[in-house]
C-alpha cells in the first residue's frame, strides 16, 4: 500500500516540476519568436502565437490533470483531488524558488 502512495505522489510532483520547466523554457523561447517576426503584428505572428498558446494549454492540462483524471475515471476521487493539490503545491514551490533565485541574481 505504501509503495502505491509513494508512486502516486512522485507522479504528481513530477508532472508539476515538468510544468514548471516547460514554463521556464517558454519564457526563454517567446522573446525569440518576437525577434523572428519583428515588431509588426501580421496575421502569421498571431496564428503562431495562438498555436503555441493552444499547445501550451493542452500540455499543461496533460501534465497537471492527466493522472488525476485517470484516477477519477477509476472512481478514486480522493486520490485525484490529492493529486491535483500536490501538483499545485509543487508548482507554488517552483514559483517561489524561481522568484527567490531571480531576487538573489539581481
N, C-alpha and C. Protein backbone atom coordinates (compact mmCIF):
# COMPACT_ATOMS: atom_id res chain seq x y z
N UNK A 1 0.83 -1.21 0.00
CA UNK A 1 0.00 0.00 0.00
C UNK A 1 0.87 1.26 0.00
N UNK A 2 1.90 1.27 0.83
CA UNK A 2 2.76 2.45 0.90
C UNK A 2 3.48 2.68 -0.42
N UNK A 3 3.84 1.62 -1.11
CA UNK A 3 4.55 1.74 -2.38
C UNK A 3 3.67 2.45 -3.43
N UNK A 4 2.38 2.12 -3.49
CA UNK A 4 1.48 2.77 -4.44
C UNK A 4 1.33 4.25 -4.13
N UNK A 5 1.19 4.60 -2.85
CA UNK A 5 1.06 6.00 -2.48
C UNK A 5 2.33 6.77 -2.81
N UNK A 6 3.47 6.16 -2.62
CA UNK A 6 4.73 6.82 -2.91
C UNK A 6 4.84 7.10 -4.41
N UNK A 7 4.47 6.15 -5.25
CA UNK A 7 4.49 6.36 -6.69
C UNK A 7 3.48 7.41 -7.10
N UNK A 8 2.33 7.43 -6.45
CA UNK A 8 1.29 8.40 -6.74
C UNK A 8 1.79 9.82 -6.50
N UNK A 9 2.45 10.05 -5.38
CA UNK A 9 2.99 11.38 -5.08
C UNK A 9 4.12 11.74 -6.03
N UNK A 10 4.94 10.76 -6.40
CA UNK A 10 6.02 11.03 -7.34
C UNK A 10 5.49 11.48 -8.69
N UNK A 11 4.41 10.85 -9.14
CA UNK A 11 3.82 11.23 -10.43
C UNK A 11 3.27 12.65 -10.36
N UNK A 12 2.61 13.01 -9.26
CA UNK A 12 2.05 14.35 -9.12
C UNK A 12 3.16 15.40 -9.06
N UNK A 13 4.20 15.13 -8.31
CA UNK A 13 5.32 16.08 -8.20
C UNK A 13 6.07 16.18 -9.52
N UNK A 14 6.28 15.06 -10.18
CA UNK A 14 6.99 15.07 -11.46
C UNK A 14 6.23 15.88 -12.51
N UNK A 15 4.91 15.72 -12.57
CA UNK A 15 4.12 16.50 -13.52
C UNK A 15 4.23 17.99 -13.26
N UNK A 16 4.21 18.39 -11.99
CA UNK A 16 4.31 19.81 -11.66
C UNK A 16 5.71 20.36 -11.95
N UNK A 17 6.74 19.58 -11.68
CA UNK A 17 8.11 20.03 -11.96
C UNK A 17 8.30 20.16 -13.47
N UNK A 18 7.79 19.21 -14.24
CA UNK A 18 7.88 19.32 -15.69
C UNK A 18 7.11 20.53 -16.21
N UNK A 19 5.98 20.82 -15.60
CA UNK A 19 5.21 22.02 -15.97
C UNK A 19 6.01 23.28 -15.68
N UNK A 20 6.66 23.33 -14.54
CA UNK A 20 7.49 24.49 -14.21
C UNK A 20 8.66 24.64 -15.18
N UNK A 21 9.29 23.53 -15.54
CA UNK A 21 10.39 23.59 -16.51
C UNK A 21 9.89 24.02 -17.88
N UNK A 22 8.70 23.58 -18.25
CA UNK A 22 8.11 23.99 -19.52
C UNK A 22 7.83 25.50 -19.52
N UNK A 23 7.34 26.01 -18.42
CA UNK A 23 7.09 27.46 -18.32
C UNK A 23 8.39 28.25 -18.43
N UNK A 24 9.44 27.77 -17.78
CA UNK A 24 10.73 28.44 -17.87
C UNK A 24 11.25 28.39 -19.30
N UNK A 25 11.11 27.25 -19.95
CA UNK A 25 11.55 27.11 -21.34
C UNK A 25 10.78 28.06 -22.26
N UNK A 26 9.45 28.14 -22.09
CA UNK A 26 8.66 29.01 -22.95
C UNK A 26 8.95 30.48 -22.69
N UNK A 27 9.25 30.83 -21.46
CA UNK A 27 9.60 32.24 -21.18
C UNK A 27 10.94 32.60 -21.80
N UNK A 28 11.79 31.61 -22.01
CA UNK A 28 13.05 31.85 -22.72
C UNK A 28 12.83 31.89 -24.23
N UNK A 29 11.88 31.05 -24.73
CA UNK A 29 11.67 30.91 -26.16
C UNK A 29 10.81 32.02 -26.76
N UNK A 30 9.83 32.53 -26.04
CA UNK A 30 8.90 33.50 -26.61
C UNK A 30 9.56 34.80 -27.08
N UNK A 31 10.53 35.34 -26.37
CA UNK A 31 11.20 36.52 -26.94
C UNK A 31 11.90 36.23 -28.28
N UNK A 32 12.34 35.01 -28.47
CA UNK A 32 12.94 34.63 -29.76
C UNK A 32 11.91 34.70 -30.87
N UNK A 33 10.67 34.28 -30.58
CA UNK A 33 9.60 34.40 -31.57
C UNK A 33 9.35 35.86 -31.92
N UNK A 34 9.43 36.74 -30.94
CA UNK A 34 9.23 38.16 -31.19
C UNK A 34 10.28 38.72 -32.13
N UNK A 35 11.52 38.30 -31.96
CA UNK A 35 12.59 38.76 -32.85
C UNK A 35 12.47 38.16 -34.24
N UNK A 36 11.91 36.96 -34.32
CA UNK A 36 11.75 36.30 -35.61
C UNK A 36 10.73 37.02 -36.49
N UNK A 37 9.62 37.45 -35.89
CA UNK A 37 8.54 38.05 -36.66
C UNK A 37 8.61 39.56 -36.72
N UNK A 38 9.47 40.17 -35.95
CA UNK A 38 9.58 41.62 -35.96
C UNK A 38 8.51 42.27 -35.11
N UNK A 39 8.44 43.58 -35.18
CA UNK A 39 7.52 44.32 -34.32
C UNK A 39 6.13 44.50 -34.93
N UNK A 40 5.99 44.29 -36.24
CA UNK A 40 4.66 44.47 -36.84
C UNK A 40 3.79 43.27 -36.53
N UNK A 41 2.53 43.52 -36.30
CA UNK A 41 1.57 42.49 -35.91
C UNK A 41 0.86 41.96 -37.16
N UNK A 42 1.47 41.05 -37.87
CA UNK A 42 0.80 40.47 -39.03
C UNK A 42 0.04 39.23 -38.62
N UNK A 43 -0.74 38.70 -39.54
CA UNK A 43 -1.60 37.56 -39.21
C UNK A 43 -0.79 36.29 -38.95
N UNK A 44 0.37 36.16 -39.58
CA UNK A 44 1.19 34.97 -39.35
C UNK A 44 1.68 34.91 -37.91
N UNK A 45 2.09 36.03 -37.36
CA UNK A 45 2.57 36.03 -35.98
C UNK A 45 1.43 35.74 -35.01
N UNK A 46 0.23 36.20 -35.32
CA UNK A 46 -0.92 35.91 -34.45
C UNK A 46 -1.28 34.42 -34.50
N UNK A 47 -1.20 33.83 -35.68
CA UNK A 47 -1.50 32.39 -35.82
C UNK A 47 -0.48 31.57 -35.04
N UNK A 48 0.79 31.91 -35.15
CA UNK A 48 1.83 31.19 -34.42
C UNK A 48 1.62 31.35 -32.91
N UNK A 49 1.30 32.57 -32.48
CA UNK A 49 1.05 32.80 -31.05
C UNK A 49 -0.11 31.95 -30.55
N UNK A 50 -1.21 31.93 -31.30
CA UNK A 50 -2.38 31.15 -30.87
C UNK A 50 -2.10 29.65 -30.88
N UNK A 51 -1.34 29.18 -31.86
CA UNK A 51 -0.99 27.76 -31.89
C UNK A 51 -0.09 27.38 -30.71
N UNK A 52 0.85 28.24 -30.39
CA UNK A 52 1.71 27.99 -29.22
C UNK A 52 0.86 28.01 -27.94
N UNK A 53 -0.09 28.92 -27.87
CA UNK A 53 -0.97 29.00 -26.71
C UNK A 53 -1.81 27.73 -26.55
N UNK A 54 -2.40 27.27 -27.64
CA UNK A 54 -3.23 26.06 -27.59
C UNK A 54 -2.37 24.85 -27.21
N UNK A 55 -1.19 24.74 -27.79
CA UNK A 55 -0.29 23.65 -27.44
C UNK A 55 0.10 23.70 -25.97
N UNK A 56 0.38 24.90 -25.47
CA UNK A 56 0.78 25.06 -24.07
C UNK A 56 -0.35 24.67 -23.13
N UNK A 57 -1.56 25.07 -23.45
CA UNK A 57 -2.70 24.72 -22.59
C UNK A 57 -2.92 23.21 -22.59
N UNK A 58 -2.82 22.59 -23.76
CA UNK A 58 -3.01 21.14 -23.84
C UNK A 58 -1.93 20.40 -23.05
N UNK A 59 -0.69 20.81 -23.22
CA UNK A 59 0.41 20.16 -22.50
C UNK A 59 0.29 20.39 -20.99
N UNK A 60 -0.07 21.60 -20.60
CA UNK A 60 -0.23 21.89 -19.17
C UNK A 60 -1.36 21.07 -18.57
N UNK A 61 -2.46 20.97 -19.30
CA UNK A 61 -3.57 20.15 -18.82
C UNK A 61 -3.18 18.70 -18.66
N UNK A 62 -2.40 18.20 -19.60
CA UNK A 62 -1.95 16.81 -19.51
C UNK A 62 -1.02 16.61 -18.33
N UNK A 63 -0.07 17.52 -18.14
CA UNK A 63 0.92 17.35 -17.07
C UNK A 63 0.29 17.46 -15.68
N UNK A 64 -0.63 18.40 -15.51
CA UNK A 64 -1.21 18.63 -14.19
C UNK A 64 -2.44 17.75 -13.94
N UNK A 65 -3.29 17.59 -14.95
CA UNK A 65 -4.57 16.92 -14.74
C UNK A 65 -4.64 15.50 -15.31
N UNK A 66 -3.62 15.07 -16.05
CA UNK A 66 -3.69 13.78 -16.71
C UNK A 66 -3.90 12.61 -15.76
N UNK A 67 -3.02 12.46 -14.81
CA UNK A 67 -3.13 11.33 -13.88
C UNK A 67 -4.33 11.48 -12.93
N UNK A 68 -4.61 12.68 -12.39
CA UNK A 68 -5.82 12.78 -11.57
C UNK A 68 -7.12 12.48 -12.33
N UNK A 69 -7.19 12.82 -13.61
CA UNK A 69 -8.38 12.46 -14.39
C UNK A 69 -8.46 10.95 -14.55
N UNK A 70 -7.33 10.32 -14.79
CA UNK A 70 -7.30 8.86 -14.87
C UNK A 70 -7.80 8.24 -13.56
N UNK A 71 -7.34 8.79 -12.43
CA UNK A 71 -7.79 8.28 -11.13
C UNK A 71 -9.29 8.52 -10.94
N UNK A 72 -9.79 9.66 -11.38
CA UNK A 72 -11.22 9.94 -11.25
C UNK A 72 -12.04 8.98 -12.11
N UNK A 73 -11.54 8.63 -13.28
CA UNK A 73 -12.24 7.65 -14.11
C UNK A 73 -12.28 6.29 -13.42
N UNK A 74 -11.24 5.98 -12.66
CA UNK A 74 -11.19 4.75 -11.89
C UNK A 74 -11.99 4.85 -10.58
N UNK A 75 -12.69 5.97 -10.41
CA UNK A 75 -13.51 6.28 -9.23
C UNK A 75 -12.69 6.35 -7.94
N UNK A 76 -11.49 6.87 -8.06
CA UNK A 76 -10.63 7.13 -6.91
C UNK A 76 -10.56 8.65 -6.73
N UNK A 77 -11.69 9.21 -6.29
CA UNK A 77 -11.84 10.66 -6.25
C UNK A 77 -10.93 11.31 -5.22
N UNK A 78 -10.75 10.67 -4.08
CA UNK A 78 -9.89 11.24 -3.04
C UNK A 78 -8.46 11.36 -3.55
N UNK A 79 -7.94 10.32 -4.18
CA UNK A 79 -6.59 10.36 -4.72
C UNK A 79 -6.46 11.39 -5.83
N UNK A 80 -7.52 11.54 -6.64
CA UNK A 80 -7.49 12.52 -7.72
C UNK A 80 -7.37 13.94 -7.19
N UNK A 81 -8.15 14.24 -6.16
CA UNK A 81 -8.10 15.58 -5.56
C UNK A 81 -6.76 15.82 -4.89
N UNK A 82 -6.27 14.81 -4.18
CA UNK A 82 -4.96 14.93 -3.54
C UNK A 82 -3.87 15.14 -4.60
N UNK A 83 -3.98 14.44 -5.72
CA UNK A 83 -3.00 14.60 -6.80
C UNK A 83 -2.98 16.01 -7.35
N UNK A 84 -4.14 16.59 -7.55
CA UNK A 84 -4.21 17.97 -8.03
C UNK A 84 -3.61 18.92 -7.00
N UNK A 85 -3.94 18.71 -5.74
CA UNK A 85 -3.41 19.58 -4.69
C UNK A 85 -1.89 19.46 -4.56
N UNK A 86 -1.38 18.24 -4.64
CA UNK A 86 0.08 18.04 -4.58
C UNK A 86 0.75 18.73 -5.77
N UNK A 87 0.15 18.63 -6.94
CA UNK A 87 0.71 19.29 -8.12
C UNK A 87 0.71 20.81 -7.96
N UNK A 88 -0.38 21.35 -7.43
CA UNK A 88 -0.46 22.80 -7.26
C UNK A 88 0.52 23.31 -6.20
N UNK A 89 0.67 22.55 -5.11
CA UNK A 89 1.64 22.94 -4.08
C UNK A 89 3.06 22.87 -4.64
N UNK A 90 3.34 21.85 -5.45
CA UNK A 90 4.65 21.75 -6.07
C UNK A 90 4.89 22.90 -7.04
N UNK A 91 3.87 23.27 -7.82
CA UNK A 91 4.00 24.43 -8.71
C UNK A 91 4.26 25.70 -7.93
N UNK A 92 3.61 25.85 -6.78
CA UNK A 92 3.85 27.01 -5.92
C UNK A 92 5.29 27.02 -5.43
N UNK A 93 5.80 25.85 -5.07
CA UNK A 93 7.21 25.76 -4.64
C UNK A 93 8.16 26.13 -5.78
N UNK A 94 7.86 25.68 -6.99
CA UNK A 94 8.69 26.05 -8.15
C UNK A 94 8.63 27.55 -8.37
N UNK A 95 7.45 28.13 -8.23
CA UNK A 95 7.29 29.58 -8.38
C UNK A 95 8.12 30.33 -7.35
N UNK A 96 8.05 29.90 -6.09
CA UNK A 96 8.82 30.57 -5.04
C UNK A 96 10.32 30.40 -5.24
N UNK A 97 10.74 29.22 -5.68
CA UNK A 97 12.17 29.01 -5.96
C UNK A 97 12.63 29.87 -7.13
N UNK A 98 11.79 30.02 -8.13
CA UNK A 98 12.14 30.85 -9.28
C UNK A 98 12.27 32.31 -8.87
N UNK A 99 11.28 32.82 -8.12
CA UNK A 99 11.36 34.20 -7.66
C UNK A 99 12.55 34.41 -6.71
N UNK A 100 12.80 33.45 -5.86
CA UNK A 100 13.94 33.55 -4.96
C UNK A 100 15.26 33.61 -5.70
N UNK A 101 15.40 32.78 -6.72
CA UNK A 101 16.64 32.79 -7.50
C UNK A 101 16.77 34.07 -8.30
N UNK A 102 15.66 34.63 -8.80
CA UNK A 102 15.72 35.90 -9.51
C UNK A 102 16.14 37.02 -8.57
N UNK A 103 15.61 37.01 -7.36
CA UNK A 103 15.99 38.05 -6.39
C UNK A 103 17.45 37.93 -5.99
N UNK A 104 17.94 36.70 -5.87
CA UNK A 104 19.35 36.52 -5.50
C UNK A 104 20.30 36.91 -6.63
N UNK A 105 19.87 36.72 -7.87
CA UNK A 105 20.73 37.03 -9.00
C UNK A 105 20.75 38.51 -9.36
N UNK A 106 19.75 39.26 -8.89
CA UNK A 106 19.71 40.69 -9.23
C UNK A 106 20.30 41.53 -8.12
